[in-house]
PDB file of N, CA and C in Angstrom:
ATOM      1  N   MET A   1      40.552  -8.122  53.594  1.00  0.00           N
ATOM      2  CA  MET A   1      39.367  -7.325  53.883  1.00  0.00           C
ATOM      3  C   MET A   1      38.489  -8.091  54.869  1.00  0.00           C
ATOM      4  N   GLU A   2      38.063  -7.412  55.902  1.00  0.00           N
ATOM      5  CA  GLU A   2      37.205  -8.040  56.900  1.00  0.00           C
ATOM      6  C   GLU A   2      35.884  -8.445  56.254  1.00  0.00           C
ATOM      7  N   GLU A   3      35.357  -9.578  56.691  1.00  0.00           N
ATOM      8  CA  GLU A   3      34.153 -10.131  56.076  1.00  0.00           C
ATOM      9  C   GLU A   3      32.983  -9.156  56.069  1.00  0.00           C
ATOM     10  N   SER A   4      32.770  -8.441  57.165  1.00  0.00           N
ATOM     11  CA  SER A   4      31.642  -7.519  57.222  1.00  0.00           C
ATOM     12  C   SER A   4      31.797  -6.377  56.226  1.00  0.00           C
ATOM     13  N   ASN A   5      33.022  -6.044  55.842  1.00  0.00           N
ATOM     14  CA  ASN A   5      33.248  -4.992  54.849  1.00  0.00           C
ATOM     15  C   ASN A   5      32.859  -5.429  53.443  1.00  0.00           C
ATOM     16  N   ARG A   6      32.787  -6.723  53.211  1.00  0.00           N
ATOM     17  CA  ARG A   6      32.415  -7.241  51.894  1.00  0.00           C
ATOM     18  C   ARG A   6      30.909  -7.345  51.716  1.00  0.00           C
ATOM     19  N   LEU A   7      30.160  -7.302  52.794  1.00  0.00           N
ATOM     20  CA  LEU A   7      28.709  -7.487  52.707  1.00  0.00           C
ATOM     21  C   LEU A   7      28.022  -6.468  51.805  1.00  0.00           C
ATOM     22  N   PRO A   8      28.402  -5.193  51.827  1.00  0.00           N
ATOM     23  CA  PRO A   8      27.748  -4.255  50.899  1.00  0.00           C
ATOM     24  C   PRO A   8      27.963  -4.639  49.432  1.00  0.00           C
ATOM     25  N   TYR A   9      29.128  -5.191  49.123  1.00  0.00           N
ATOM     26  CA  TYR A   9      29.391  -5.621  47.751  1.00  0.00           C
ATOM     27  C   TYR A   9      28.493  -6.787  47.358  1.00  0.00           C
ATOM     28  N   PHE A  10      28.258  -7.692  48.283  1.00  0.00           N
ATOM     29  CA  PHE A  10      27.352  -8.813  48.008  1.00  0.00           C
ATOM     30  C   PHE A  10      25.933  -8.300  47.781  1.00  0.00           C
ATOM     31  N   LEU A  11      25.524  -7.301  48.552  1.00  0.00           N
ATOM     32  CA  LEU A  11      24.199  -6.716  48.380  1.00  0.00           C
ATOM     33  C   LEU A  11      24.092  -6.023  47.021  1.00  0.00           C
ATOM     34  N   ILE A  12      25.121  -5.295  46.643  1.00  0.00           N
ATOM     35  CA  ILE A  12      25.129  -4.630  45.331  1.00  0.00           C
ATOM     36  C   ILE A  12      25.059  -5.661  44.216  1.00  0.00           C
ATOM     37  N   ASP A  13      25.809  -6.737  44.324  1.00  0.00           N
ATOM     38  CA  ASP A  13      25.767  -7.794  43.312  1.00  0.00           C
ATOM     39  C   ASP A  13      24.375  -8.412  43.212  1.00  0.00           C
ATOM     40  N   LEU A  14      23.732  -8.610  44.352  1.00  0.00           N
ATOM     41  CA  LEU A  14      22.382  -9.162  44.357  1.00  0.00           C
ATOM     42  C   LEU A  14      21.417  -8.189  43.695  1.00  0.00           C
ATOM     43  N   MET A  15      21.560  -6.901  43.981  1.00  0.00           N
ATOM     44  CA  MET A  15      20.703  -5.895  43.343  1.00  0.00           C
ATOM     45  C   MET A  15      20.907  -5.878  41.828  1.00  0.00           C
ATOM     46  N   LYS A  16      22.152  -5.940  41.394  1.00  0.00           N
ATOM     47  CA  LYS A  16      22.428  -5.959  39.960  1.00  0.00           C
ATOM     48  C   LYS A  16      21.820  -7.196  39.308  1.00  0.00           C
ATOM     49  N   SER A  17      21.932  -8.333  39.958  1.00  0.00           N
ATOM     50  CA  SER A  17      21.336  -9.556  39.424  1.00  0.00           C
ATOM     51  C   SER A  17      19.827  -9.423  39.314  1.00  0.00           C
ATOM     52  N   TYR A  18      19.214  -8.799  40.308  1.00  0.00           N
ATOM     53  CA  TYR A  18      17.767  -8.584  40.291  1.00  0.00           C
ATOM     54  C   TYR A  18      17.369  -7.659  39.143  1.00  0.00           C
ATOM     55  N   ILE A  19      18.119  -6.586  38.955  1.00  0.00           N
ATOM     56  CA  ILE A  19      17.804  -5.603  37.913  1.00  0.00           C
ATOM     57  C   ILE A  19      17.886  -6.222  36.523  1.00  0.00           C
ATOM     58  N   VAL A  20      18.894  -7.036  36.280  1.00  0.00           N
ATOM     59  CA  VAL A  20      19.048  -7.637  34.944  1.00  0.00           C
ATOM     60  C   VAL A  20      18.175  -8.870  34.756  1.00  0.00           C
ATOM     61  N   GLY A  21      17.490  -9.286  35.799  1.00  0.00           N
ATOM     62  CA  GLY A  21      16.535 -10.385  35.662  1.00  0.00           C
ATOM     63  C   GLY A  21      17.094 -11.771  35.855  1.00  0.00           C
ATOM     64  N   ASP A  22      18.233 -11.884  36.529  1.00  0.00           N
ATOM     65  CA  ASP A  22      18.764 -13.210  36.842  1.00  0.00           C
ATOM     66  C   ASP A  22      17.870 -13.850  37.903  1.00  0.00           C
ATOM     67  N   PHE A  23      17.379 -15.017  37.605  1.00  0.00           N
ATOM     68  CA  PHE A  23      16.554 -15.726  38.583  1.00  0.00           C
ATOM     69  C   PHE A  23      16.909 -17.196  38.523  1.00  0.00           C
ATOM     70  N   PRO A  24      16.752 -17.953  39.552  1.00  0.00           N
ATOM     71  CA  PRO A  24      16.233 -17.583  40.871  1.00  0.00           C
ATOM     72  C   PRO A  24      17.317 -16.959  41.745  1.00  0.00           C
ATOM     73  N   LEU A  25      16.907 -16.035  42.583  1.00  0.00           N
ATOM     74  CA  LEU A  25      17.830 -15.346  43.486  1.00  0.00           C
ATOM     75  C   LEU A  25      17.490 -15.587  44.954  1.00  0.00           C
ATOM     76  N   ASP A  26      16.471 -16.401  45.218  1.00  0.00           N
ATOM     77  CA  ASP A  26      16.028 -16.648  46.595  1.00  0.00           C
ATOM     78  C   ASP A  26      17.173 -17.115  47.491  1.00  0.00           C
ATOM     79  N   ASP A  27      17.933 -18.079  47.008  1.00  0.00           N
ATOM     80  CA  ASP A  27      19.018 -18.640  47.822  1.00  0.00           C
ATOM     81  C   ASP A  27      20.091 -17.600  48.118  1.00  0.00           C
ATOM     82  N   LYS A  28      20.435 -16.788  47.112  1.00  0.00           N
ATOM     83  CA  LYS A  28      21.453 -15.757  47.324  1.00  0.00           C
ATOM     84  C   LYS A  28      20.985 -14.746  48.365  1.00  0.00           C
ATOM     85  N   ALA A  29      19.710 -14.367  48.311  1.00  0.00           N
ATOM     86  CA  ALA A  29      19.169 -13.427  49.295  1.00  0.00           C
ATOM     87  C   ALA A  29      19.191 -14.039  50.686  1.00  0.00           C
ATOM     88  N   ASP A  30      18.823 -15.306  50.790  1.00  0.00           N
ATOM     89  CA  ASP A  30      18.835 -15.991  52.088  1.00  0.00           C
ATOM     90  C   ASP A  30      20.236 -16.039  52.682  1.00  0.00           C
ATOM     91  N   VAL A  31      21.216 -16.362  51.865  1.00  0.00           N
ATOM     92  CA  VAL A  31      22.606 -16.446  52.334  1.00  0.00           C
ATOM     93  C   VAL A  31      23.093 -15.069  52.784  1.00  0.00           C
ATOM     94  N   LEU A  32      22.768 -14.032  52.014  1.00  0.00           N
ATOM     95  CA  LEU A  32      23.186 -12.683  52.382  1.00  0.00           C
ATOM     96  C   LEU A  32      22.572 -12.275  53.720  1.00  0.00           C
ATOM     97  N   LEU A  33      21.284 -12.518  53.896  1.00  0.00           N
ATOM     98  CA  LEU A  33      20.636 -12.174  55.166  1.00  0.00           C
ATOM     99  C   LEU A  33      21.241 -12.953  56.329  1.00  0.00           C
ATOM    100  N   PHE A  34      21.544 -14.209  56.108  1.00  0.00           N
ATOM    101  CA  PHE A  34      22.172 -15.016  57.149  1.00  0.00           C
ATOM    102  C   PHE A  34      23.527 -14.422  57.547  1.00  0.00           C
ATOM    103  N   GLU A  35      24.333 -14.067  56.547  1.00  0.00           N
ATOM    104  CA  GLU A  35      25.671 -13.530  56.830  1.00  0.00           C
ATOM    105  C   GLU A  35      25.592 -12.187  57.546  1.00  0.00           C
ATOM    106  N   ILE A  36      24.672 -11.339  57.121  1.00  0.00           N
ATOM    107  CA  ILE A  36      24.514 -10.056  57.814  1.00  0.00           C
ATOM    108  C   ILE A  36      24.065 -10.293  59.249  1.00  0.00           C
ATOM    109  N   GLY A  37      23.119 -11.195  59.430  1.00  0.00           N
ATOM    110  CA  GLY A  37      22.646 -11.526  60.778  1.00  0.00           C
ATOM    111  C   GLY A  37      23.759 -12.064  61.658  1.00  0.00           C
ATOM    112  N   ARG A  38      24.608 -12.884  61.082  1.00  0.00           N
ATOM    113  CA  ARG A  38      25.737 -13.445  61.824  1.00  0.00           C
ATOM    114  C   ARG A  38      26.681 -12.334  62.270  1.00  0.00           C
ATOM    115  N   GLN A  39      26.939 -11.389  61.382  1.00  0.00           N
ATOM    116  CA  GLN A  39      27.809 -10.276  61.737  1.00  0.00           C
ATOM    117  C   GLN A  39      27.158  -9.377  62.799  1.00  0.00           C
ATOM    118  N   LEU A  40      25.844  -9.221  62.730  1.00  0.00           N
ATOM    119  CA  LEU A  40      25.141  -8.450  63.762  1.00  0.00           C
ATOM    120  C   LEU A  40      25.315  -9.085  65.135  1.00  0.00           C
ATOM    121  N   VAL A  41      25.179 -10.407  65.196  1.00  0.00           N
ATOM    122  CA  VAL A  41      25.354 -11.123  66.458  1.00  0.00           C
ATOM    123  C   VAL A  41      26.780 -10.933  66.972  1.00  0.00           C
ATOM    124  N   ASN A  42      27.751 -11.055  66.074  1.00  0.00           N
ATOM    125  CA  ASN A  42      29.153 -10.872  66.470  1.00  0.00           C
ATOM    126  C   ASN A  42      29.401  -9.469  67.018  1.00  0.00           C
ATOM    127  N   CYS A  43      28.879  -8.470  66.346  1.00  0.00           N
ATOM    128  CA  CYS A  43      29.067  -7.082  66.805  1.00  0.00           C
ATOM    129  C   CYS A  43      28.377  -6.858  68.143  1.00  0.00           C
ATOM    130  N   ASN A  44      27.184  -7.384  68.294  1.00  0.00           N
ATOM    131  CA  ASN A  44      26.472  -7.229  69.560  1.00  0.00           C
ATOM    132  C   ASN A  44      27.239  -7.880  70.706  1.00  0.00           C
ATOM    133  N   SER A  45      27.826  -9.042  70.448  1.00  0.00           N
ATOM    134  CA  SER A  45      28.560  -9.735  71.508  1.00  0.00           C
ATOM    135  C   SER A  45      29.831  -8.990  71.905  1.00  0.00           C
ATOM    136  N   ARG A  46      30.365  -8.180  70.974  1.00  0.00           N
ATOM    137  CA  ARG A  46      31.578  -7.407  71.263  1.00  0.00           C
ATOM    138  C   ARG A  46      31.253  -5.940  71.604  1.00  0.00           C
ATOM    139  N   ASN A  47      29.966  -5.652  71.757  1.00  0.00           N
ATOM    140  CA  ASN A  47      29.507  -4.281  72.045  1.00  0.00           C
ATOM    141  C   ASN A  47      30.001  -3.270  71.019  1.00  0.00           C
ATOM    142  N   GLU A  48      29.989  -3.676  69.753  1.00  0.00           N
ATOM    143  CA  GLU A  48      30.373  -2.792  68.661  1.00  0.00           C
ATOM    144  C   GLU A  48      29.114  -2.199  68.023  1.00  0.00           C
ATOM    145  N   PRO A  49      29.235  -1.038  67.380  1.00  0.00           N
ATOM    146  CA  PRO A  49      28.070  -0.427  66.739  1.00  0.00           C
ATOM    147  C   PRO A  49      27.531  -1.308  65.611  1.00  0.00           C
ATOM    148  N   THR A  50      26.235  -1.277  65.437  1.00  0.00           N
ATOM    149  CA  THR A  50      25.597  -2.129  64.428  1.00  0.00           C
ATOM    150  C   THR A  50      24.760  -1.345  63.422  1.00  0.00           C
ATOM    151  N   ASP A  51      24.789  -0.024  63.468  1.00  0.00           N
ATOM    152  CA  ASP A  51      23.926   0.779  62.598  1.00  0.00           C
ATOM    153  C   ASP A  51      24.094   0.434  61.123  1.00  0.00           C
ATOM    154  N   ASP A  52      25.325   0.340  60.649  1.00  0.00           N
ATOM    155  CA  ASP A  52      25.555   0.031  59.231  1.00  0.00           C
ATOM    156  C   ASP A  52      25.041  -1.354  58.875  1.00  0.00           C
ATOM    157  N   LEU A  53      25.287  -2.319  59.731  1.00  0.00           N
ATOM    158  CA  LEU A  53      24.811  -3.677  59.470  1.00  0.00           C
ATOM    159  C   LEU A  53      23.287  -3.749  59.514  1.00  0.00           C
ATOM    160  N   GLU A  54      22.678  -3.002  60.412  1.00  0.00           N
ATOM    161  CA  GLU A  54      21.221  -2.983  60.474  1.00  0.00           C
ATOM    162  C   GLU A  54      20.627  -2.391  59.198  1.00  0.00           C
ATOM    163  N   TYR A  55      21.270  -1.353  58.678  1.00  0.00           N
ATOM    164  CA  TYR A  55      20.817  -0.768  57.414  1.00  0.00           C
ATOM    165  C   TYR A  55      20.955  -1.787  56.276  1.00  0.00           C
ATOM    166  N   LEU A  56      22.088  -2.467  56.217  1.00  0.00           N
ATOM    167  CA  LEU A  56      22.279  -3.510  55.203  1.00  0.00           C
ATOM    168  C   LEU A  56      21.226  -4.604  55.327  1.00  0.00           C
ATOM    169  N   TYR A  57      20.956  -5.014  56.558  1.00  0.00           N
ATOM    170  CA  TYR A  57      19.970  -6.067  56.788  1.00  0.00           C
ATOM    171  C   TYR A  57      18.588  -5.618  56.306  1.00  0.00           C
ATOM    172  N   ASP A  58      18.191  -4.401  56.660  1.00  0.00           N
ATOM    173  CA  ASP A  58      16.884  -3.886  56.236  1.00  0.00           C
ATOM    174  C   ASP A  58      16.790  -3.794  54.717  1.00  0.00           C
ATOM    175  N   THR A  59      17.851  -3.349  54.082  1.00  0.00           N
ATOM    176  CA  THR A  59      17.865  -3.241  52.627  1.00  0.00           C
ATOM    177  C   THR A  59      17.828  -4.614  51.975  1.00  0.00           C
ATOM    178  N   ALA A  60      18.589  -5.557  52.502  1.00  0.00           N
ATOM    179  CA  ALA A  60      18.576  -6.920  51.968  1.00  0.00           C
ATOM    180  C   ALA A  60      17.201  -7.559  52.166  1.00  0.00           C
ATOM    181  N   LYS A  61      16.569  -7.289  53.290  1.00  0.00           N
ATOM    182  CA  LYS A  61      15.231  -7.826  53.565  1.00  0.00           C
ATOM    183  C   LYS A  61      14.227  -7.251  52.560  1.00  0.00           C
ATOM    184  N   TRP A  62      14.344  -5.951  52.280  1.00  0.00           N
ATOM    185  CA  TRP A  62      13.478  -5.316  51.289  1.00  0.00           C
ATOM    186  C   TRP A  62      13.693  -5.955  49.915  1.00  0.00           C
ATOM    187  N   LEU A  63      14.961  -6.124  49.529  1.00  0.00           N
ATOM    188  CA  LEU A  63      15.264  -6.719  48.236  1.00  0.00           C
ATOM    189  C   LEU A  63      14.741  -8.153  48.171  1.00  0.00           C
ATOM    190  N   GLN A  64      14.872  -8.880  49.246  1.00  0.00           N
ATOM    191  CA  GLN A  64      14.338 -10.243  49.290  1.00  0.00           C
ATOM    192  C   GLN A  64      12.830 -10.240  49.032  1.00  0.00           C
ATOM    193  N   SER A  65      12.118  -9.273  49.594  1.00  0.00           N
ATOM    194  CA  SER A  65      10.675  -9.209  49.370  1.00  0.00           C
ATOM    195  C   SER A  65      10.360  -8.936  47.913  1.00  0.00           C
ATOM    196  N   LYS A  66      11.171  -8.116  47.256  1.00  0.00           N
ATOM    197  CA  LYS A  66      10.993  -7.845  45.818  1.00  0.00           C
ATOM    198  C   LYS A  66      11.275  -9.098  45.006  1.00  0.00           C
ATOM    199  N   ILE A  67      12.306  -9.817  45.387  1.00  0.00           N
ATOM    200  CA  ILE A  67      12.651 -11.060  44.683  1.00  0.00           C
ATOM    201  C   ILE A  67      11.513 -12.065  44.810  1.00  0.00           C
ATOM    202  N   MET A  68      10.918 -12.138  45.993  1.00  0.00           N
ATOM    203  CA  MET A  68       9.839 -13.093  46.240  1.00  0.00           C
ATOM    204  C   MET A  68       8.576 -12.742  45.452  1.00  0.00           C
ATOM    205  N   GLU A  69       8.406 -11.468  45.084  1.00  0.00           N
ATOM    206  CA  GLU A  69       7.251 -11.051  44.300  1.00  0.00           C
ATOM    207  C   GLU A  69       7.333 -11.546  42.861  1.00  0.00           C
ATOM    208  N   GLU A  70       8.533 -11.803  42.369  1.00  0.00           N
ATOM    209  CA  GLU A  70       8.731 -12.224  40.974  1.00  0.00           C
ATOM    210  C   GLU A  70       8.226 -13.622  40.730  1.00  0.00           C
TER     211      GLU A  70
END
C-alpha cells in the first residue's frame, strides 16, 4: 500500500485515541502533520492533485488544535 494511502488510517487512529482519552497525543499529531506535509510536497513536485491530502492536513490540524486544548 502506498504511504499516502495509509495516512487516513493514521488520522482515524489519532481521532479514536483522542475520543477515548489517550494522552499525550501531541507527538502523534505532529508526526501525522509532518507526513501529510511531506506527501503534499511530493505531489506538488510531480504535479499530482493534492485535494485529498489538503483535506487530511486541514482535518489533522483541526484535531491537533483540539488535542492542544486538553
